[in-house]
C-alpha atoms as a PDB file:
ATOM      1  CA  MET A   1     -12.918  10.087   8.968  1.00  0.00           C
ATOM      2  CA  LYS A   2     -16.669   9.314   8.914  1.00  0.00           C
ATOM      3  CA  ARG A   3     -16.198   7.471   5.622  1.00  0.00           C
ATOM      4  CA  LEU A   4     -13.436   5.352   7.139  1.00  0.00           C
ATOM      5  CA  VAL A   5     -15.630   4.404  10.130  1.00  0.00           C
ATOM      6  CA  ILE A   6     -18.480   3.389   7.800  1.00  0.00           C
ATOM      7  CA  LEU A   7     -16.145   1.303   5.641  1.00  0.00           C
ATOM      8  CA  ILE A   8     -14.720  -0.486   8.698  1.00  0.00           C
ATOM      9  CA  PHE A   9     -18.226  -1.259   9.972  1.00  0.00           C
ATOM     10  CA  LEU A  10     -19.322  -2.653   6.594  1.00  0.00           C
ATOM     11  CA  ALA A  11     -16.143  -4.723   6.236  1.00  0.00           C
ATOM     12  CA  ILE A  12     -16.523  -6.350   9.657  1.00  0.00           C
ATOM     13  CA  SER A  13     -20.206  -6.995   8.967  1.00  0.00           C
ATOM     14  CA  CYS A  14     -19.383  -8.733   5.680  1.00  0.00           C
ATOM     15  CA  VAL A  15     -16.803 -10.964   7.335  1.00  0.00           C
ATOM     16  CA  ALA A  16     -19.251 -11.911  10.108  1.00  0.00           C
ATOM     17  CA  PHE A  17     -21.923 -12.721   7.550  1.00  0.00           C
ATOM     18  CA  ALA A  18     -19.468 -14.924   5.666  1.00  0.00           C
ATOM     19  CA  GLN A  19     -19.172 -17.239   8.662  1.00  0.00           C
ATOM     20  CA  GLN A  20     -22.547 -18.864   7.962  1.00  0.00           C
ATOM     21  CA  PRO A  21     -22.550 -22.684   7.433  1.00  0.00           C
ATOM     22  CA  CYS A  22     -20.647 -23.785   4.358  1.00  0.00           C
ATOM     23  CA  TYR A  23     -20.432 -27.257   2.838  1.00  0.00           C
ATOM     24  CA  ILE A  24     -17.420 -26.657   0.572  1.00  0.00           C
ATOM     25  CA  CYS A  25     -15.218 -24.995   3.156  1.00  0.00           C
ATOM     26  CA  ASP A  26     -11.452 -25.246   3.478  1.00  0.00           C
ATOM     27  CA  SER A  27     -10.745 -28.190   5.791  1.00  0.00           C
ATOM     28  CA  MET A  28      -7.060 -27.308   6.143  1.00  0.00           C
ATOM     29  CA  PRO A  29      -6.226 -25.676   9.522  1.00  0.00           C
ATOM     30  CA  PRO A  30      -4.961 -22.090   9.118  1.00  0.00           C
ATOM     31  CA  TYR A  31      -1.282 -21.290   9.509  1.00  0.00           C
ATOM     32  CA  LYS A  32      -0.252 -19.190  12.501  1.00  0.00           C
ATOM     33  CA  HIS A  33       2.397 -16.986  10.890  1.00  0.00           C
ATOM     34  CA  SER A  34       2.554 -15.016   7.678  1.00  0.00           C
ATOM     35  CA  ILE A  35       5.106 -12.797   5.940  1.00  0.00           C
ATOM     36  CA  MET A  36       3.945 -10.591   3.052  1.00  0.00           C
ATOM     37  CA  PHE A  37       5.764  -8.175   0.792  1.00  0.00           C
ATOM     38  CA  GLN A  38       5.154  -5.854  -2.124  1.00  0.00           C
ATOM     39  CA  PHE A  39       7.463  -3.834  -4.371  1.00  0.00           C
ATOM     40  CA  ASN A  40       6.342  -2.123  -7.543  1.00  0.00           C
ATOM     41  CA  ARG A  41       6.156   1.062  -9.503  1.00  0.00           C
ATOM     42  CA  ALA A  42       2.928   2.909  -8.796  1.00  0.00           C
ATOM     43  CA  PHE A  43       0.359   3.828 -11.421  1.00  0.00           C
ATOM     44  CA  GLU A  44      -0.166   7.575 -11.622  1.00  0.00           C
ATOM     45  CA  GLU A  45      -1.059   9.527 -14.732  1.00  0.00           C
ATOM     46  CA  TYR A  46       0.898   7.309 -17.096  1.00  0.00           C
ATOM     47  CA  ARG A  47       0.030   7.627 -20.770  1.00  0.00           C
ATOM     48  CA  ASP A  48      -0.509   3.886 -21.224  1.00  0.00           C
ATOM     49  CA  ILE A  49       0.459   0.484 -19.878  1.00  0.00           C
ATOM     50  CA  TYR A  50       3.698   0.545 -21.904  1.00  0.00           C
ATOM     51  CA  ASP A  51       5.025   3.433 -19.819  1.00  0.00           C
ATOM     52  CA  TYR A  52       4.425   1.461 -16.631  1.00  0.00           C
ATOM     53  CA  PHE A  53       6.636  -1.461 -17.653  1.00  0.00           C
ATOM     54  CA  THR A  54       9.372   0.524 -19.421  1.00  0.00           C
ATOM     55  CA  HIS A  55      11.867   3.126 -18.300  1.00  0.00           C
ATOM     56  CA  VAL A  56      10.309   6.593 -18.283  1.00  0.00           C
ATOM     57  CA  SER A  57      12.725   9.495 -18.428  1.00  0.00           C
ATOM     58  CA  ILE A  58      12.097  12.383 -16.064  1.00  0.00           C
ATOM     59  CA  GLU A  59      12.351  14.859 -18.937  1.00  0.00           C
ATOM     60  CA  ASP A  60       8.998  13.856 -20.435  1.00  0.00           C
ATOM     61  CA  GLY A  61       7.122  15.015 -17.341  1.00  0.00           C
ATOM     62  CA  LEU A  62       5.830  11.595 -16.323  1.00  0.00           C
ATOM     63  CA  PRO A  63       6.104  10.630 -12.645  1.00  0.00           C
ATOM     64  CA  ARG A  64       8.324   7.842 -11.371  1.00  0.00           C
ATOM     65  CA  ASN A  65       6.864   6.387  -8.189  1.00  0.00           C
ATOM     66  CA  TYR A  66       7.972   3.294  -6.290  1.00  0.00           C
ATOM     67  CA  TYR A  67       6.100   1.618  -3.452  1.00  0.00           C
ATOM     68  CA  ALA A  68       7.178  -1.151  -1.055  1.00  0.00           C
ATOM     69  CA  ASN A  69       5.426  -2.904   1.826  1.00  0.00           C
ATOM     70  CA  LEU A  70       6.663  -5.522   4.290  1.00  0.00           C
ATOM     71  CA  ARG A  71       4.479  -7.016   7.015  1.00  0.00           C
ATOM     72  CA  TYR A  72       4.316  -9.850   9.503  1.00  0.00           C
ATOM     73  CA  GLY A  73       1.056 -11.406  10.628  1.00  0.00           C
ATOM     74  CA  TYR A  74       0.090 -13.606  13.552  1.00  0.00           C
ATOM     75  CA  ARG A  75      -3.273 -15.355  13.484  1.00  0.00           C
ATOM     76  CA  VAL A  76      -5.023 -14.804  16.819  1.00  0.00           C
ATOM     77  CA  HIS A  77      -8.211 -16.399  15.484  1.00  0.00           C
ATOM     78  CA  LYS A  78      -8.938 -18.446  12.383  1.00  0.00           C
ATOM     79  CA  ASN A  79     -10.557 -15.327  10.924  1.00  0.00           C
ATOM     80  CA  ILE A  80      -8.319 -12.603  12.400  1.00  0.00           C
ATOM     81  CA  MET A  81      -4.646 -11.810  11.800  1.00  0.00           C
ATOM     82  CA  VAL A  82      -2.695  -8.940  13.382  1.00  0.00           C
ATOM     83  CA  GLY A  83       0.858  -7.657  13.111  1.00  0.00           C
ATOM     84  CA  PRO A  84       3.270  -4.801  12.300  1.00  0.00           C
ATOM     85  CA  GLU A  85       4.040  -3.433   8.854  1.00  0.00           C
ATOM     86  CA  LEU A  86       6.563  -1.131   7.171  1.00  0.00           C
ATOM     87  CA  MET A  87       5.795   0.934   4.077  1.00  0.00           C
ATOM     88  CA  PHE A  88       8.127   2.888   1.782  1.00  0.00           C
ATOM     89  CA  PHE A  89       7.250   5.325  -0.988  1.00  0.00           C
ATOM     90  CA  SER A  90       9.551   7.184  -3.370  1.00  0.00           C
ATOM     91  CA  GLN A  91       8.315   9.806  -5.815  1.00  0.00           C
ATOM     92  CA  LYS A  92      10.087  11.932  -8.418  1.00  0.00           C
ATOM     93  CA  ARG A  93       8.141  14.437 -10.509  1.00  0.00           C
ATOM     94  CA  LEU A  94       9.043  17.200 -12.939  1.00  0.00           C
ATOM     95  CA  MET A  95       7.503  20.513 -11.835  1.00  0.00           C
ATOM     96  CA  TYR A  96       7.011  23.860 -13.587  1.00  0.00           C
ATOM     97  CA  TYR A  97       6.608  27.238 -11.887  1.00  0.00           C
ATOM     98  CA  GLY A  98       6.467  29.765 -14.682  1.00  0.00           C
ATOM     99  CA  THR A  99       9.921  29.603 -16.267  1.00  0.00           C
ATOM    100  CA  THR A 100      11.313  27.699 -13.276  1.00  0.00           C
ATOM    101  CA  GLN A 101      11.863  24.009 -13.904  1.00  0.00           C
ATOM    102  CA  ASN A 102      12.679  21.704 -10.983  1.00  0.00           C
ATOM    103  CA  ILE A 103      12.220  18.153  -9.781  1.00  0.00           C
ATOM    104  CA  LEU A 104      10.201  17.235  -6.695  1.00  0.00           C
ATOM    105  CA  ASN A 105      11.727  14.340  -4.735  1.00  0.00           C
ATOM    106  CA  VAL A 106       9.735  12.640  -1.957  1.00  0.00           C
ATOM    107  CA  ILE A 107      10.931   9.834   0.326  1.00  0.00           C
ATOM    108  CA  SER A 108       8.272   8.552   2.742  1.00  0.00           C
ATOM    109  CA  PHE A 109       8.280   5.883   5.478  1.00  0.00           C
ATOM    110  CA  ASN A 110       5.302   4.461   7.378  1.00  0.00           C
ATOM    111  CA  VAL A 111       5.604   2.348  10.533  1.00  0.00           C
ATOM    112  CA  GLY A 112       2.455   0.875  12.034  1.00  0.00           C
ATOM    113  CA  GLY A 113       0.216  -2.108  12.558  1.00  0.00           C
ATOM    114  CA  TYR A 114      -2.778  -3.747  10.928  1.00  0.00           C
ATOM    115  CA  ALA A 115      -5.560  -6.252  11.524  1.00  0.00           C
ATOM    116  CA  ARG A 116      -6.864  -8.553   8.799  1.00  0.00           C
ATOM    117  CA  PHE A 117     -10.379  -9.984   8.954  1.00  0.00           C
ATOM    118  CA  ILE A 118     -10.604 -13.110   6.795  1.00  0.00           C
ATOM    119  CA  ALA A 119     -13.640 -14.963   5.470  1.00  0.00           C
ATOM    120  CA  ASN A 120     -11.963 -18.342   5.863  1.00  0.00           C
ATOM    121  CA  ARG A 121     -14.585 -20.392   4.026  1.00  0.00           C
ATOM    122  CA  TRP A 122     -13.186 -21.534   0.686  1.00  0.00           C
ATOM    123  CA  GLN A 123     -10.059 -23.410  -0.311  1.00  0.00           C
ATOM    124  CA  VAL A 124      -8.698 -21.070  -2.992  1.00  0.00           C
ATOM    125  CA  PHE A 125     -10.537 -17.743  -2.627  1.00  0.00           C
ATOM    126  CA  LYS A 126     -10.530 -15.942   0.713  1.00  0.00           C
ATOM    127  CA  PRO A 127     -12.110 -12.473   0.938  1.00  0.00           C
ATOM    128  CA  TYR A 128     -10.418 -10.218   3.480  1.00  0.00           C
ATOM    129  CA  THR A 129     -10.409  -6.694   4.835  1.00  0.00           C
ATOM    130  CA  ASP A 130      -7.312  -4.975   6.242  1.00  0.00           C
ATOM    131  CA  VAL A 131      -7.588  -2.119   8.742  1.00  0.00           C
ATOM    132  CA  GLY A 132      -4.361  -0.320   9.578  1.00  0.00           C
ATOM    133  CA  MET A 133      -2.861   2.692  11.330  1.00  0.00           C
ATOM    134  CA  SER A 134       0.678   4.018  10.996  1.00  0.00           C
ATOM    135  CA  TYR A 135       3.044   6.897  11.669  1.00  0.00           C
ATOM    136  CA  ASN A 136       4.313   8.608   8.518  1.00  0.00           C
ATOM    137  CA  TYR A 137       7.606  10.453   8.063  1.00  0.00           C
ATOM    138  CA  ALA A 138       8.474  12.104   4.749  1.00  0.00           C
ATOM    139  CA  HIS A 139      11.436  14.076   3.442  1.00  0.00           C
ATOM    140  CA  ILE A 140      10.831  16.580   0.631  1.00  0.00           C
ATOM    141  CA  LYS A 141      13.562  18.163  -1.429  1.00  0.00           C
ATOM    142  CA  TYR A 142      13.851  19.911  -4.790  1.00  0.00           C
ATOM    143  CA  SER A 143      16.481  19.471  -7.476  1.00  0.00           C
ATOM    144  CA  TRP A 144      16.924  20.651 -11.039  1.00  0.00           C
ATOM    145  CA  SER A 145      17.369  18.851 -14.328  1.00  0.00           C
ATOM    146  CA  ASP A 146      20.845  18.812 -15.842  1.00  0.00           C
ATOM    147  CA  ASN A 147      19.982  21.311 -18.562  1.00  0.00           C
ATOM    148  CA  TYR A 148      18.604  23.913 -16.131  1.00  0.00           C
ATOM    149  CA  LYS A 149      20.789  26.187 -13.995  1.00  0.00           C
ATOM    150  CA  PRO A 150      18.815  27.657 -11.070  1.00  0.00           C
ATOM    151  CA  THR A 151      19.596  31.065  -9.628  1.00  0.00           C
ATOM    152  CA  ASP A 152      20.435  31.561  -5.949  1.00  0.00           C
ATOM    153  CA  GLU A 153      16.970  33.034  -5.413  1.00  0.00           C
ATOM    154  CA  GLU A 154      15.311  29.964  -6.923  1.00  0.00           C
ATOM    155  CA  ILE A 155      17.380  27.644  -4.745  1.00  0.00           C
ATOM    156  CA  GLN A 156      16.308  29.549  -1.623  1.00  0.00           C
ATOM    157  CA  SER A 157      12.667  29.475  -2.759  1.00  0.00           C
ATOM    158  CA  PHE A 158      12.581  25.659  -2.723  1.00  0.00           C
ATOM    159  CA  PRO A 159      14.212  24.503   0.528  1.00  0.00           C
ATOM    160  CA  SER A 160      14.131  20.913   1.739  1.00  0.00           C
ATOM    161  CA  TYR A 161      11.753  20.094   4.579  1.00  0.00           C
ATOM    162  CA  ASN A 162      10.290  17.193   6.571  1.00  0.00           C
ATOM    163  CA  PHE A 163       6.763  16.438   7.719  1.00  0.00           C
ATOM    164  CA  HIS A 164       5.132  13.677   9.752  1.00  0.00           C
ATOM    165  CA  HIS A 165       1.603  12.650  10.705  1.00  0.00           C
ATOM    166  CA  PHE A 166      -0.582   9.659  11.523  1.00  0.00           C
ATOM    167  CA  ASP A 167      -2.336   7.694   8.803  1.00  0.00           C
ATOM    168  CA  ALA A 168      -5.187   5.166   8.695  1.00  0.00           C
ATOM    169  CA  TYR A 169      -6.630   2.994   5.952  1.00  0.00           C
ATOM    170  CA  ILE A 170      -9.019   0.183   5.123  1.00  0.00           C
ATOM    171  CA  ALA A 171      -8.296  -2.253   2.301  1.00  0.00           C
ATOM    172  CA  PRO A 172     -10.835  -4.902   1.212  1.00  0.00           C
ATOM    173  CA  GLY A 173      -9.663  -7.530  -1.239  1.00  0.00           C
ATOM    174  CA  MET A 174      -9.291 -11.177  -2.196  1.00  0.00           C
ATOM    175  CA  SER A 175      -6.545 -13.691  -1.396  1.00  0.00           C
ATOM    176  CA  PHE A 176      -5.763 -16.442  -3.899  1.00  0.00           C
ATOM    177  CA  MET A 177      -4.258 -19.418  -2.057  1.00  0.00           C
ATOM    178  CA  ILE A 178      -1.843 -21.885  -3.680  1.00  0.00           C
ATOM    179  CA  TRP A 179       0.529 -24.673  -2.606  1.00  0.00           C
ATOM    180  CA  GLN A 180      -1.677 -25.962   0.227  1.00  0.00           C
ATOM    181  CA  ASN A 181      -2.302 -22.410   1.427  1.00  0.00           C
ATOM    182  CA  HIS A 182       1.425 -21.742   1.936  1.00  0.00           C
ATOM    183  CA  ILE A 183       1.374 -18.973  -0.700  1.00  0.00           C
ATOM    184  CA  ASN A 184      -1.219 -16.209  -0.958  1.00  0.00           C
ATOM    185  CA  ILE A 185      -1.541 -13.560  -3.665  1.00  0.00           C
ATOM    186  CA  ASP A 186      -3.624 -10.580  -2.515  1.00  0.00           C
ATOM    187  CA  LEU A 187      -5.491  -8.166  -4.771  1.00  0.00           C
ATOM    188  CA  GLY A 188      -7.386  -5.277  -3.205  1.00  0.00           C
ATOM    189  CA  ILE A 189      -8.259  -1.604  -3.003  1.00  0.00           C
ATOM    190  CA  LYS A 190      -6.761   0.622  -0.287  1.00  0.00           C
ATOM    191  CA  PHE A 191      -8.898   3.529   0.968  1.00  0.00           C
ATOM    192  CA  SER A 192      -7.442   6.361   3.059  1.00  0.00           C
ATOM    193  CA  PRO A 193      -9.283   9.569   4.055  1.00  0.00           C
ATOM    194  CA  PHE A 194      -5.984  11.485   4.221  1.00  0.00           C
ATOM    195  CA  ARG A 195      -5.419  11.369   0.430  1.00  0.00           C
ATOM    196  CA  ASN A 196      -1.776  10.405   0.886  1.00  0.00           C
ATOM    197  CA  ASN A 197      -1.802   7.171  -1.077  1.00  0.00           C
ATOM    198  CA  VAL A 198       0.807   6.727  -3.783  1.00  0.00           C
ATOM    199  CA  ASN A 199      -1.492   8.464  -6.288  1.00  0.00           C
ATOM    200  CA  SER A 200      -2.544  11.318  -3.929  1.00  0.00           C
ATOM    201  CA  LYS A 201      -6.147  10.079  -4.022  1.00  0.00           C
ATOM    202  CA  MET A 202      -8.411   8.434  -1.462  1.00  0.00           C
ATOM    203  CA  PHE A 203      -8.035   4.977  -3.032  1.00  0.00           C
ATOM    204  CA  VAL A 204      -5.374   2.970  -4.848  1.00  0.00           C
ATOM    205  CA  PHE A 205      -5.044  -0.586  -6.182  1.00  0.00           C
ATOM    206  CA  THR A 206      -2.795  -2.803  -4.062  1.00  0.00           C
ATOM    207  CA  TRP A 207      -1.329  -6.305  -4.250  1.00  0.00           C
ATOM    208  CA  LYS A 208       0.871  -8.479  -2.037  1.00  0.00           C
ATOM    209  CA  ILE A 209       2.536 -11.889  -2.071  1.00  0.00           C
ATOM    210  CA  GLY A 210       2.679 -13.784   1.203  1.00  0.00           C
ATOM    211  CA  TYR A 211       4.129 -16.956   2.696  1.00  0.00           C
ATOM    212  CA  ASN A 212       2.240 -18.727   5.493  1.00  0.00           C
ATOM    213  CA  PHE A 213       3.795 -21.149   7.965  1.00  0.00           C
ATOM    214  CA  ASN A 214       3.707 -22.609  11.480  1.00  0.00           C
ATOM    215  CA  SER A 215       6.728 -22.285  13.757  1.00  0.00           C
ATOM    216  CA  LYS A 216       8.433 -25.517  14.748  1.00  0.00           C
ATOM    217  CA  LYS A 217       7.609 -26.877  18.188  1.00  0.00           C
END
């Protein structure tokens, strides 16, 4: 948690510093509303880039993870955007316990909110930092591959269960603006002290595509 606090402090400091006078700034007024989404397979222990873009069978032991994110943002200040977000994560992994062979299936949902601090200085490149908190619910169950017949004892040893907890993260990155700032493509790194990112580590690469607009009067 201390690391997260330090990262938040540094991110806010960087955004404040970026508001110094600029002579090549974006003269276009910022849009009030934004919708962003993400859906992709997650990198995790793949052999090479080919495995990421092709179908990977569960029999070869490689994970199959899918991640989705949907969020809405409202700009309360030209440099600050806030809003709710939904996150979904699906994981399937082949597991071995001695001679026991089963498949771990995880379905996870996160519901929460975020704040984005934007260095709104340049026309095309806009550094940002996201800070978010959410409530996580996950369902865990075990299954077996078609060529393995589990015993009754093995089935009882791997029951399904649920767990839930709160999560927090910080995600610095860069927005690339196109079509008069209507479209943004975000590339960043998400840090979480709870190690429950899609790769079970404290950080993971993230991207999003967003559409920015003003509501009609």
